[in-house]
Amino acid sequence: MVWRWLVGILAIGLITLTPMSSGLAQPVPNNITDTEFQRGDQLRTQAFTATNEGNFEAAEKYWTQLIELFPQNPAIWSNRGNSRVSQNKLTAAIADFNRAIELLPGRTDAYLNRGTALEGLGKWHEAISDYQYILSVDPQDAMAYNNLGNAYAGLGEWNVAIKNYVKAAEIAPDFAFARANYALALYQNGEISEAIRNMKNIVRKYRDFPDVRAALSAALWQNGQRGEAESNWVAVVGLDSRYKDLNWVKNTRRWPPNMVAALEKFLKLE
């Protein structure tokens, strides 16, 4: 009998969000009773329901109960780590990811998750090591390249970040998040026209992408195209009001400094 656990990858910093990845198959120990098995299945459902509802504190409690039942299942540890990341309990989350890696060293999900938590603590070099490990296992992992770009962006190495975003987009042409990060990094590097061109292309394909619309609004405003900037901003407000919060944009979303400054000017003059 096999119990499959889905590993959710939650994100912080520059966009790293992914859909739920494929499950981890773990044999159920022989001493597990039917009652414990059913209880575990119930807790798993409750944990994912709480996660989908944004109730990460409750999700963490459900994962903790699951760990008590199945302490050798790495996916449970990784998922509790994810719920802790979402509550900004980054040190505790890293401890969970470490345990997941100890239990199943060859699986890269926990390395990716740990990398995002390390980024949240500003431990850029350690995050880079995790992403480079993933790429040593799978050189075609677009998410690892995107996150590697994020970590180099945290170090202010924008040219290196750009190269990694380009590689991520080459591997996965529909990876809109990598393309968005690329456009933001171009703006930071002073390549304004090219950044705006890329933002417009992304918005044309993904009309309900608030991150890029918000960046485009700020960039166009700075470029003197105020009518078009305001038009895009109307869509942003309807999609995600967090972009009105400069602190969130700067410290949680982690836009590049020049992009944050452009948005600040736009918001003050709006």
C-alpha atoms as a PDB file:
ATOM      1  CA  MET A   1       0.000   0.000   0.000  1.00  0.00           C
ATOM      2  CA  VAL A   2       1.292   3.481  -0.869  1.00  0.00           C
ATOM      3  CA  TRP A   3       0.272   6.805   0.630  1.00  0.00           C
ATOM      4  CA  ARG A   4       0.943   9.736  -1.686  1.00  0.00           C
ATOM      5  CA  TRP A   5       1.502  13.162  -0.146  1.00  0.00           C
ATOM      6  CA  LEU A   6       1.367  16.319  -2.215  1.00  0.00           C
ATOM      7  CA  VAL A   7       4.163  18.760  -1.588  1.00  0.00           C
ATOM      8  CA  GLY A   8       3.043  22.371  -1.881  1.00  0.00           C
ATOM      9  CA  ILE A   9       5.691  24.963  -2.705  1.00  0.00           C
ATOM     10  CA  LEU A  10       4.830  28.345  -1.225  1.00  0.00           C
ATOM     11  CA  ALA A  11       6.931  31.387  -1.891  1.00  0.00           C
ATOM     12  CA  ILE A  12       8.324  34.590  -0.621  1.00  0.00           C
ATOM     13  CA  GLY A  13      10.406  37.214  -2.266  1.00  0.00           C
ATOM     14  CA  LEU A  14      10.579  37.556  -6.016  1.00  0.00           C
ATOM     15  CA  ILE A  15       7.895  35.461  -7.567  1.00  0.00           C
ATOM     16  CA  THR A  16       8.497  31.793  -6.992  1.00  0.00           C
ATOM     17  CA  LEU A  17       5.031  30.494  -6.781  1.00  0.00           C
ATOM     18  CA  THR A  18       4.333  27.078  -8.415  1.00  0.00           C
ATOM     19  CA  PRO A  19       1.329  24.779  -8.551  1.00  0.00           C
ATOM     20  CA  MET A  20       1.294  21.779  -6.244  1.00  0.00           C
ATOM     21  CA  SER A  21       4.065  19.444  -7.334  1.00  0.00           C
ATOM     22  CA  SER A  22       3.828  15.719  -7.791  1.00  0.00           C
ATOM     23  CA  GLY A  23       3.359  13.650  -4.656  1.00  0.00           C
ATOM     24  CA  LEU A  24       5.945  11.783  -2.658  1.00  0.00           C
ATOM     25  CA  ALA A  25       5.277   8.087  -2.427  1.00  0.00           C
ATOM     26  CA  GLN A  26       6.110   6.626   0.946  1.00  0.00           C
ATOM     27  CA  PRO A  27       5.354   3.084   2.172  1.00  0.00           C
ATOM     28  CA  VAL A  28       2.986   3.013   5.104  1.00  0.00           C
ATOM     29  CA  PRO A  29       4.717   1.315   8.077  1.00  0.00           C
ATOM     30  CA  ASN A  30       3.380  -2.154   8.888  1.00  0.00           C
ATOM     31  CA  ASN A  31       2.419  -1.138  12.414  1.00  0.00           C
ATOM     32  CA  ILE A  32       0.006   1.579  11.266  1.00  0.00           C
ATOM     33  CA  THR A  33      -3.567   0.687  12.101  1.00  0.00           C
ATOM     34  CA  ASP A  34      -6.548   1.326   9.843  1.00  0.00           C
ATOM     35  CA  THR A  35      -7.757   3.895  12.359  1.00  0.00           C
ATOM     36  CA  GLU A  36      -4.447   5.788  12.204  1.00  0.00           C
ATOM     37  CA  PHE A  37      -4.463   5.575   8.438  1.00  0.00           C
ATOM     38  CA  GLN A  38      -7.953   7.067   8.236  1.00  0.00           C
ATOM     39  CA  ARG A  39      -7.025   9.740  10.761  1.00  0.00           C
ATOM     40  CA  GLY A  40      -4.001  10.649   8.698  1.00  0.00           C
ATOM     41  CA  ASP A  41      -6.058  10.943   5.548  1.00  0.00           C
ATOM     42  CA  GLN A  42      -8.492  13.226   7.366  1.00  0.00           C
ATOM     43  CA  LEU A  43      -5.689  15.421   8.718  1.00  0.00           C
ATOM     44  CA  ARG A  44      -4.103  15.705   5.277  1.00  0.00           C
ATOM     45  CA  THR A  45      -7.396  16.924   3.805  1.00  0.00           C
ATOM     46  CA  GLN A  46      -7.821  19.413   6.636  1.00  0.00           C
ATOM     47  CA  ALA A  47      -4.264  20.683   6.195  1.00  0.00           C
ATOM     48  CA  PHE A  48      -4.682  21.366   2.488  1.00  0.00           C
ATOM     49  CA  THR A  49      -8.108  22.913   3.021  1.00  0.00           C
ATOM     50  CA  ALA A  50      -6.663  25.274   5.633  1.00  0.00           C
ATOM     51  CA  THR A  51      -3.788  26.122   3.283  1.00  0.00           C
ATOM     52  CA  ASN A  52      -6.147  26.903   0.411  1.00  0.00           C
ATOM     53  CA  GLU A  53      -8.133  29.157   2.742  1.00  0.00           C
ATOM     54  CA  GLY A  54      -4.987  30.979   3.827  1.00  0.00           C
ATOM     55  CA  ASN A  55      -5.249  29.707   7.405  1.00  0.00           C
ATOM     56  CA  PHE A  56      -1.607  28.689   7.732  1.00  0.00           C
ATOM     57  CA  GLU A  57      -1.639  28.527  11.528  1.00  0.00           C
ATOM     58  CA  ALA A  58      -4.316  25.836  11.393  1.00  0.00           C
ATOM     59  CA  ALA A  59      -2.477  24.066   8.569  1.00  0.00           C
ATOM     60  CA  GLU A  60       0.674  23.961  10.676  1.00  0.00           C
ATOM     61  CA  LYS A  61      -1.247  22.294  13.515  1.00  0.00           C
ATOM     62  CA  TYR A  62      -2.618  19.631  11.178  1.00  0.00           C
ATOM     63  CA  TRP A  63       0.838  18.915   9.741  1.00  0.00           C
ATOM     64  CA  THR A  64       2.224  18.657  13.280  1.00  0.00           C
ATOM     65  CA  GLN A  65      -0.379  16.045  14.149  1.00  0.00           C
ATOM     66  CA  LEU A  66       0.535  14.171  10.970  1.00  0.00           C
ATOM     67  CA  ILE A  67       4.213  14.251  11.917  1.00  0.00           C
ATOM     68  CA  GLU A  68       3.296  12.645  15.229  1.00  0.00           C
ATOM     69  CA  LEU A  69       1.577   9.846  13.294  1.00  0.00           C
ATOM     70  CA  PHE A  70       4.122   9.473  10.479  1.00  0.00           C
ATOM     71  CA  PRO A  71       7.466  10.976  11.583  1.00  0.00           C
ATOM     72  CA  GLN A  72       9.404   9.289   8.757  1.00  0.00           C
ATOM     73  CA  ASN A  73       7.434  10.890   5.913  1.00  0.00           C
ATOM     74  CA  PRO A  74       9.560  13.716   4.438  1.00  0.00           C
ATOM     75  CA  ALA A  75       6.681  15.357   2.557  1.00  0.00           C
ATOM     76  CA  ILE A  76       4.812  16.024   5.803  1.00  0.00           C
ATOM     77  CA  TRP A  77       7.851  17.803   7.250  1.00  0.00           C
ATOM     78  CA  SER A  78       8.248  19.819   4.051  1.00  0.00           C
ATOM     79  CA  ASN A  79       4.607  20.844   4.034  1.00  0.00           C
ATOM     80  CA  ARG A  80       4.749  21.952   7.653  1.00  0.00           C
ATOM     81  CA  GLY A  81       7.786  23.981   6.666  1.00  0.00           C
ATOM     82  CA  ASN A  82       5.715  25.606   3.925  1.00  0.00           C
ATOM     83  CA  SER A  83       2.977  26.542   6.389  1.00  0.00           C
ATOM     84  CA  ARG A  84       5.619  28.080   8.649  1.00  0.00           C
ATOM     85  CA  VAL A  85       7.144  30.065   5.782  1.00  0.00           C
ATOM     86  CA  SER A  86       3.710  31.534   5.140  1.00  0.00           C
ATOM     87  CA  GLN A  87       3.640  32.723   8.758  1.00  0.00           C
ATOM     88  CA  ASN A  88       7.190  34.101   8.478  1.00  0.00           C
ATOM     89  CA  LYS A  89       8.461  31.446  10.919  1.00  0.00           C
ATOM     90  CA  LEU A  90      11.488  31.036   8.740  1.00  0.00           C
ATOM     91  CA  THR A  91      13.971  29.488  11.171  1.00  0.00           C
ATOM     92  CA  ALA A  92      11.439  26.863  12.252  1.00  0.00           C
ATOM     93  CA  ALA A  93      10.563  26.233   8.603  1.00  0.00           C
ATOM     94  CA  ILE A  94      14.203  25.630   7.718  1.00  0.00           C
ATOM     95  CA  ALA A  95      14.437  23.058  10.519  1.00  0.00           C
ATOM     96  CA  ASP A  96      11.492  21.215   8.938  1.00  0.00           C
ATOM     97  CA  PHE A  97      13.057  21.302   5.488  1.00  0.00           C
ATOM     98  CA  ASN A  98      16.333  20.037   6.965  1.00  0.00           C
ATOM     99  CA  ARG A  99      14.489  17.064   8.419  1.00  0.00           C
ATOM    100  CA  ALA A 100      12.745  16.377   5.110  1.00  0.00           C
ATOM    101  CA  ILE A 101      16.129  16.374   3.376  1.00  0.00           C
ATOM    102  CA  GLU A 102      17.610  14.020   5.990  1.00  0.00           C
ATOM    103  CA  LEU A 103      14.759  11.581   5.383  1.00  0.00           C
ATOM    104  CA  LEU A 104      14.936  11.754   1.586  1.00  0.00           C
ATOM    105  CA  PRO A 105      18.185  13.415   0.422  1.00  0.00           C
ATOM    106  CA  GLY A 106      17.676  12.890  -3.293  1.00  0.00           C
ATOM    107  CA  ARG A 107      14.358  14.734  -3.555  1.00  0.00           C
ATOM    108  CA  THR A 108      14.734  18.382  -4.601  1.00  0.00           C
ATOM    109  CA  ASP A 109      11.402  19.825  -3.386  1.00  0.00           C
ATOM    110  CA  ALA A 110      12.652  20.481   0.127  1.00  0.00           C
ATOM    111  CA  TYR A 111      15.809  22.151  -1.206  1.00  0.00           C
ATOM    112  CA  LEU A 112      13.676  24.546  -3.235  1.00  0.00           C
ATOM    113  CA  ASN A 113      11.453  25.284  -0.257  1.00  0.00           C
ATOM    114  CA  ARG A 114      14.443  25.744   2.048  1.00  0.00           C
ATOM    115  CA  GLY A 115      16.015  28.097  -0.451  1.00  0.00           C
ATOM    116  CA  THR A 116      13.006  30.421  -0.360  1.00  0.00           C
ATOM    117  CA  ALA A 117      13.106  30.455   3.450  1.00  0.00           C
ATOM    118  CA  LEU A 118      16.821  31.223   3.404  1.00  0.00           C
ATOM    119  CA  GLU A 119      16.125  34.104   1.033  1.00  0.00           C
ATOM    120  CA  GLY A 120      13.593  35.423   3.525  1.00  0.00           C
ATOM    121  CA  LEU A 121      16.382  35.556   6.127  1.00  0.00           C
ATOM    122  CA  GLY A 122      18.728  37.266   3.684  1.00  0.00           C
ATOM    123  CA  LYS A 123      20.994  34.211   3.562  1.00  0.00           C
ATOM    124  CA  TRP A 124      21.547  34.591  -0.153  1.00  0.00           C
ATOM    125  CA  HIS A 125      24.650  32.417  -0.507  1.00  0.00           C
ATOM    126  CA  GLU A 126      23.032  29.509   1.328  1.00  0.00           C
ATOM    127  CA  ALA A 127      19.948  29.828  -0.864  1.00  0.00           C
ATOM    128  CA  ILE A 128      22.174  29.852  -3.947  1.00  0.00           C
ATOM    129  CA  SER A 129      23.808  26.614  -2.769  1.00  0.00           C
ATOM    130  CA  ASP A 130      20.393  24.942  -2.505  1.00  0.00           C
ATOM    131  CA  TYR A 131      19.346  26.059  -5.982  1.00  0.00           C
ATOM    132  CA  GLN A 132      22.675  25.020  -7.474  1.00  0.00           C
ATOM    133  CA  TYR A 133      22.275  21.590  -5.901  1.00  0.00           C
ATOM    134  CA  ILE A 134      18.862  21.237  -7.552  1.00  0.00           C
ATOM    135  CA  LEU A 135      20.383  22.166 -10.914  1.00  0.00           C
ATOM    136  CA  SER A 136      23.155  19.606 -10.414  1.00  0.00           C
ATOM    137  CA  VAL A 137      20.402  16.989 -10.128  1.00  0.00           C
ATOM    138  CA  ASP A 138      18.160  18.435 -12.837  1.00  0.00           C
ATOM    139  CA  PRO A 139      19.773  21.040 -15.141  1.00  0.00           C
ATOM    140  CA  GLN A 140      16.372  21.677 -16.723  1.00  0.00           C
ATOM    141  CA  ASP A 141      14.629  22.838 -13.534  1.00  0.00           C
ATOM    142  CA  ALA A 142      13.194  26.212 -14.553  1.00  0.00           C
ATOM    143  CA  MET A 143      12.016  27.043 -11.031  1.00  0.00           C
ATOM    144  CA  ALA A 144      15.513  26.583  -9.633  1.00  0.00           C
ATOM    145  CA  TYR A 145      16.907  28.971 -12.250  1.00  0.00           C
ATOM    146  CA  ASN A 146      14.210  31.527 -11.438  1.00  0.00           C
ATOM    147  CA  ASN A 147      14.901  31.274  -7.713  1.00  0.00           C
ATOM    148  CA  LEU A 148      18.633  31.428  -8.346  1.00  0.00           C
ATOM    149  CA  GLY A 149      17.973  34.703 -10.131  1.00  0.00           C
ATOM    150  CA  ASN A 150      16.029  35.894  -7.079  1.00  0.00           C
ATOM    151  CA  ALA A 151      18.932  35.083  -4.759  1.00  0.00           C
ATOM    152  CA  TYR A 152      21.444  36.901  -6.956  1.00  0.00           C
ATOM    153  CA  ALA A 153      19.028  39.828  -7.103  1.00  0.00           C
ATOM    154  CA  GLY A 154      19.122  39.844  -3.304  1.00  0.00           C
ATOM    155  CA  LEU A 155      22.896  40.256  -3.560  1.00  0.00           C
ATOM    156  CA  GLY A 156      22.435  43.100  -6.045  1.00  0.00           C
ATOM    157  CA  GLU A 157      24.065  41.078  -8.831  1.00  0.00           C
ATOM    158  CA  TRP A 158      21.481  42.023 -11.426  1.00  0.00           C
ATOM    159  CA  ASN A 159      23.358  40.868 -14.523  1.00  0.00           C
ATOM    160  CA  VAL A 160      23.711  37.372 -13.060  1.00  0.00           C
ATOM    161  CA  ALA A 161      20.062  37.450 -11.993  1.00  0.00           C
ATOM    162  CA  ILE A 162      19.020  38.361 -15.540  1.00  0.00           C
ATOM    163  CA  LYS A 163      20.966  35.434 -17.003  1.00  0.00           C
ATOM    164  CA  ASN A 164      19.165  33.023 -14.688  1.00  0.00           C
ATOM    165  CA  TYR A 165      15.724  34.466 -15.467  1.00  0.00           C
ATOM    166  CA  VAL A 166      16.480  34.140 -19.183  1.00  0.00           C
ATOM    167  CA  LYS A 167      17.505  30.509 -18.685  1.00  0.00           C
ATOM    168  CA  ALA A 168      14.307  29.781 -16.734  1.00  0.00           C
ATOM    169  CA  ALA A 169      12.180  31.279 -19.505  1.00  0.00           C
ATOM    170  CA  GLU A 170      14.100  29.362 -22.188  1.00  0.00           C
ATOM    171  CA  ILE A 171      13.421  26.070 -20.418  1.00  0.00           C
ATOM    172  CA  ALA A 172       9.760  26.949 -19.755  1.00  0.00           C
ATOM    173  CA  PRO A 173       8.554  29.547 -22.294  1.00  0.00           C
ATOM    174  CA  ASP A 174       5.198  29.906 -20.513  1.00  0.00           C
ATOM    175  CA  PHE A 175       6.826  30.544 -17.134  1.00  0.00           C
ATOM    176  CA  ALA A 176       5.316  34.008 -16.730  1.00  0.00           C
ATOM    177  CA  PHE A 177       6.859  34.570 -13.306  1.00  0.00           C
ATOM    178  CA  ALA A 178      10.403  34.208 -14.635  1.00  0.00           C
ATOM    179  CA  ARG A 179       9.607  36.612 -17.459  1.00  0.00           C
ATOM    180  CA  ALA A 180       8.180  39.087 -14.955  1.00  0.00           C
ATOM    181  CA  ASN A 181      11.301  38.914 -12.804  1.00  0.00           C
ATOM    182  CA  TYR A 182      13.407  39.386 -15.931  1.00  0.00           C
ATOM    183  CA  ALA A 183      11.526  42.555 -16.859  1.00  0.00           C
ATOM    184  CA  LEU A 184      11.917  43.968 -13.343  1.00  0.00           C
ATOM    185  CA  ALA A 185      15.637  43.224 -13.366  1.00  0.00           C
ATOM    186  CA  LEU A 186      15.987  44.959 -16.730  1.00  0.00           C
ATOM    187  CA  TYR A 187      14.335  48.040 -15.253  1.00  0.00           C
ATOM    188  CA  GLN A 188      16.757  47.964 -12.330  1.00  0.00           C
ATOM    189  CA  ASN A 189      19.645  47.818 -14.814  1.00  0.00           C
ATOM    190  CA  GLY A 190      18.431  50.964 -16.553  1.00  0.00           C
ATOM    191  CA  GLU A 191      17.135  49.162 -19.645  1.00  0.00           C
ATOM    192  CA  ILE A 192      13.840  51.005 -19.388  1.00  0.00           C
ATOM    193  CA  SER A 193      12.513  50.635 -22.929  1.00  0.00           C
ATOM    194  CA  GLU A 194      13.299  46.928 -23.065  1.00  0.00           C
ATOM    195  CA  ALA A 195      11.749  46.417 -19.633  1.00  0.00           C
ATOM    196  CA  ILE A 196       8.535  48.156 -20.684  1.00  0.00           C
ATOM    197  CA  ARG A 197       8.427  46.201 -23.936  1.00  0.00           C
ATOM    198  CA  ASN A 198       8.683  42.935 -22.003  1.00  0.00           C
ATOM    199  CA  MET A 199       6.056  44.016 -19.488  1.00  0.00           C
ATOM    200  CA  LYS A 200       3.623  44.890 -22.272  1.00  0.00           C
ATOM    201  CA  ASN A 201       4.201  41.522 -23.926  1.00  0.00           C
ATOM    202  CA  ILE A 202       3.495  39.710 -20.666  1.00  0.00           C
ATOM    203  CA  VAL A 203       0.323  41.720 -20.007  1.00  0.00           C
ATOM    204  CA  ARG A 204      -0.849  41.062 -23.540  1.00  0.00           C
ATOM    205  CA  LYS A 205      -0.637  37.325 -22.919  1.00  0.00           C
ATOM    206  CA  TYR A 206      -1.606  37.287 -19.222  1.00  0.00           C
ATOM    207  CA  ARG A 207      -4.169  40.039 -18.810  1.00  0.00           C
ATOM    208  CA  ASP A 208      -4.873  39.304 -15.125  1.00  0.00           C
ATOM    209  CA  PHE A 209      -1.257  39.337 -13.952  1.00  0.00           C
ATOM    210  CA  PRO A 210      -1.316  42.110 -11.294  1.00  0.00           C
ATOM    211  CA  ASP A 211       2.421  42.107 -10.580  1.00  0.00           C
ATOM    212  CA  VAL A 212       3.374  43.029 -14.110  1.00  0.00           C
ATOM    213  CA  ARG A 213       0.489  45.465 -14.532  1.00  0.00           C
ATOM    214  CA  ALA A 214       1.580  47.260 -11.355  1.00  0.00           C
ATOM    215  CA  ALA A 215       5.183  47.453 -12.553  1.00  0.00           C
ATOM    216  CA  LEU A 216       4.036  48.612 -15.981  1.00  0.00           C
ATOM    217  CA  SER A 217       1.887  51.325 -14.399  1.00  0.00           C
ATOM    218  CA  ALA A 218       4.879  52.711 -12.505  1.00  0.00           C
ATOM    219  CA  ALA A 219       7.246  52.422 -15.462  1.00  0.00           C
ATOM    220  CA  LEU A 220       4.843  54.093 -17.889  1.00  0.00           C
ATOM    221  CA  TRP A 221       4.143  56.904 -15.426  1.00  0.00           C
ATOM    222  CA  GLN A 222       7.855  57.567 -15.106  1.00  0.00           C
ATOM    223  CA  ASN A 223       8.106  57.452 -18.884  1.00  0.00           C
ATOM    224  CA  GLY A 224       5.463  60.159 -19.292  1.00  0.00           C
ATOM    225  CA  GLN A 225       2.752  57.801 -20.578  1.00  0.00           C
ATOM    226  CA  ARG A 226       0.321  58.692 -17.834  1.00  0.00           C
ATOM    227  CA  GLY A 227      -2.973  57.758 -19.432  1.00  0.00           C
ATOM    228  CA  GLU A 228      -1.781  54.245 -20.183  1.00  0.00           C
ATOM    229  CA  ALA A 229      -0.268  53.999 -16.706  1.00  0.00           C
ATOM    230  CA  GLU A 230      -3.555  54.869 -15.031  1.00  0.00           C
ATOM    231  CA  SER A 231      -5.468  52.434 -17.229  1.00  0.00           C
ATOM    232  CA  ASN A 232      -3.222  49.573 -16.117  1.00  0.00           C
ATOM    233  CA  TRP A 233      -3.446  50.663 -12.491  1.00  0.00           C
ATOM    234  CA  VAL A 234      -7.239  50.408 -12.484  1.00  0.00           C
ATOM    235  CA  ALA A 235      -6.832  46.719 -13.363  1.00  0.00           C
ATOM    236  CA  VAL A 236      -4.197  46.241 -10.636  1.00  0.00           C
ATOM    237  CA  VAL A 237      -6.425  47.595  -7.884  1.00  0.00           C
ATOM    238  CA  GLY A 238      -9.207  45.258  -8.939  1.00  0.00           C
ATOM    239  CA  LEU A 239      -6.873  42.254  -8.965  1.00  0.00           C
ATOM    240  CA  ASP A 240      -4.595  42.728  -5.950  1.00  0.00           C
ATOM    241  CA  SER A 241      -4.708  45.749  -3.647  1.00  0.00           C
ATOM    242  CA  ARG A 242      -1.404  44.820  -1.959  1.00  0.00           C
ATOM    243  CA  TYR A 243       0.453  46.812  -4.607  1.00  0.00           C
ATOM    244  CA  LYS A 244      -0.752  49.975  -2.862  1.00  0.00           C
ATOM    245  CA  ASP A 245       1.456  48.948   0.085  1.00  0.00           C
ATOM    246  CA  LEU A 246       5.047  49.984  -0.633  1.00  0.00           C
ATOM    247  CA  ASN A 247       6.330  48.081   2.393  1.00  0.00           C
ATOM    248  CA  TRP A 248       4.832  44.855   1.036  1.00  0.00           C
ATOM    249  CA  VAL A 249       6.176  45.512  -2.459  1.00  0.00           C
ATOM    250  CA  LYS A 250       9.652  46.263  -1.136  1.00  0.00           C
ATOM    251  CA  ASN A 251      10.069  43.686   1.614  1.00  0.00           C
ATOM    252  CA  THR A 252       7.738  40.801   0.793  1.00  0.00           C
ATOM    253  CA  ARG A 253       7.430  40.886  -2.990  1.00  0.00           C
ATOM    254  CA  ARG A 254      10.989  42.273  -3.122  1.00  0.00           C
ATOM    255  CA  TRP A 255      10.805  44.397  -6.230  1.00  0.00           C
ATOM    256  CA  PRO A 256      14.144  45.908  -7.276  1.00  0.00           C
ATOM    257  CA  PRO A 257      14.901  49.328  -5.699  1.00  0.00           C
ATOM    258  CA  ASN A 258      14.402  51.333  -8.909  1.00  0.00           C
ATOM    259  CA  MET A 259      11.029  49.711  -9.516  1.00  0.00           C
ATOM    260  CA  VAL A 260       9.931  50.416  -5.940  1.00  0.00           C
ATOM    261  CA  ALA A 261      10.999  54.043  -6.322  1.00  0.00           C
ATOM    262  CA  ALA A 262       9.000  54.363  -9.544  1.00  0.00           C
ATOM    263  CA  LEU A 263       5.895  52.910  -7.894  1.00  0.00           C
ATOM    264  CA  GLU A 264       6.308  55.254  -4.915  1.00  0.00           C
ATOM    265  CA  LYS A 265       6.347  58.283  -7.209  1.00  0.00           C
ATOM    266  CA  PHE A 266       3.319  56.974  -9.064  1.00  0.00           C
ATOM    267  CA  LEU A 267       1.362  56.423  -5.856  1.00  0.00           C
ATOM    268  CA  LYS A 268       2.205  59.872  -4.488  1.00  0.00           C
ATOM    269  CA  LEU A 269       1.104  61.602  -7.683  1.00  0.00           C
ATOM    270  CA  GLU A 270      -1.878  59.352  -8.431  1.00  0.00           C
END
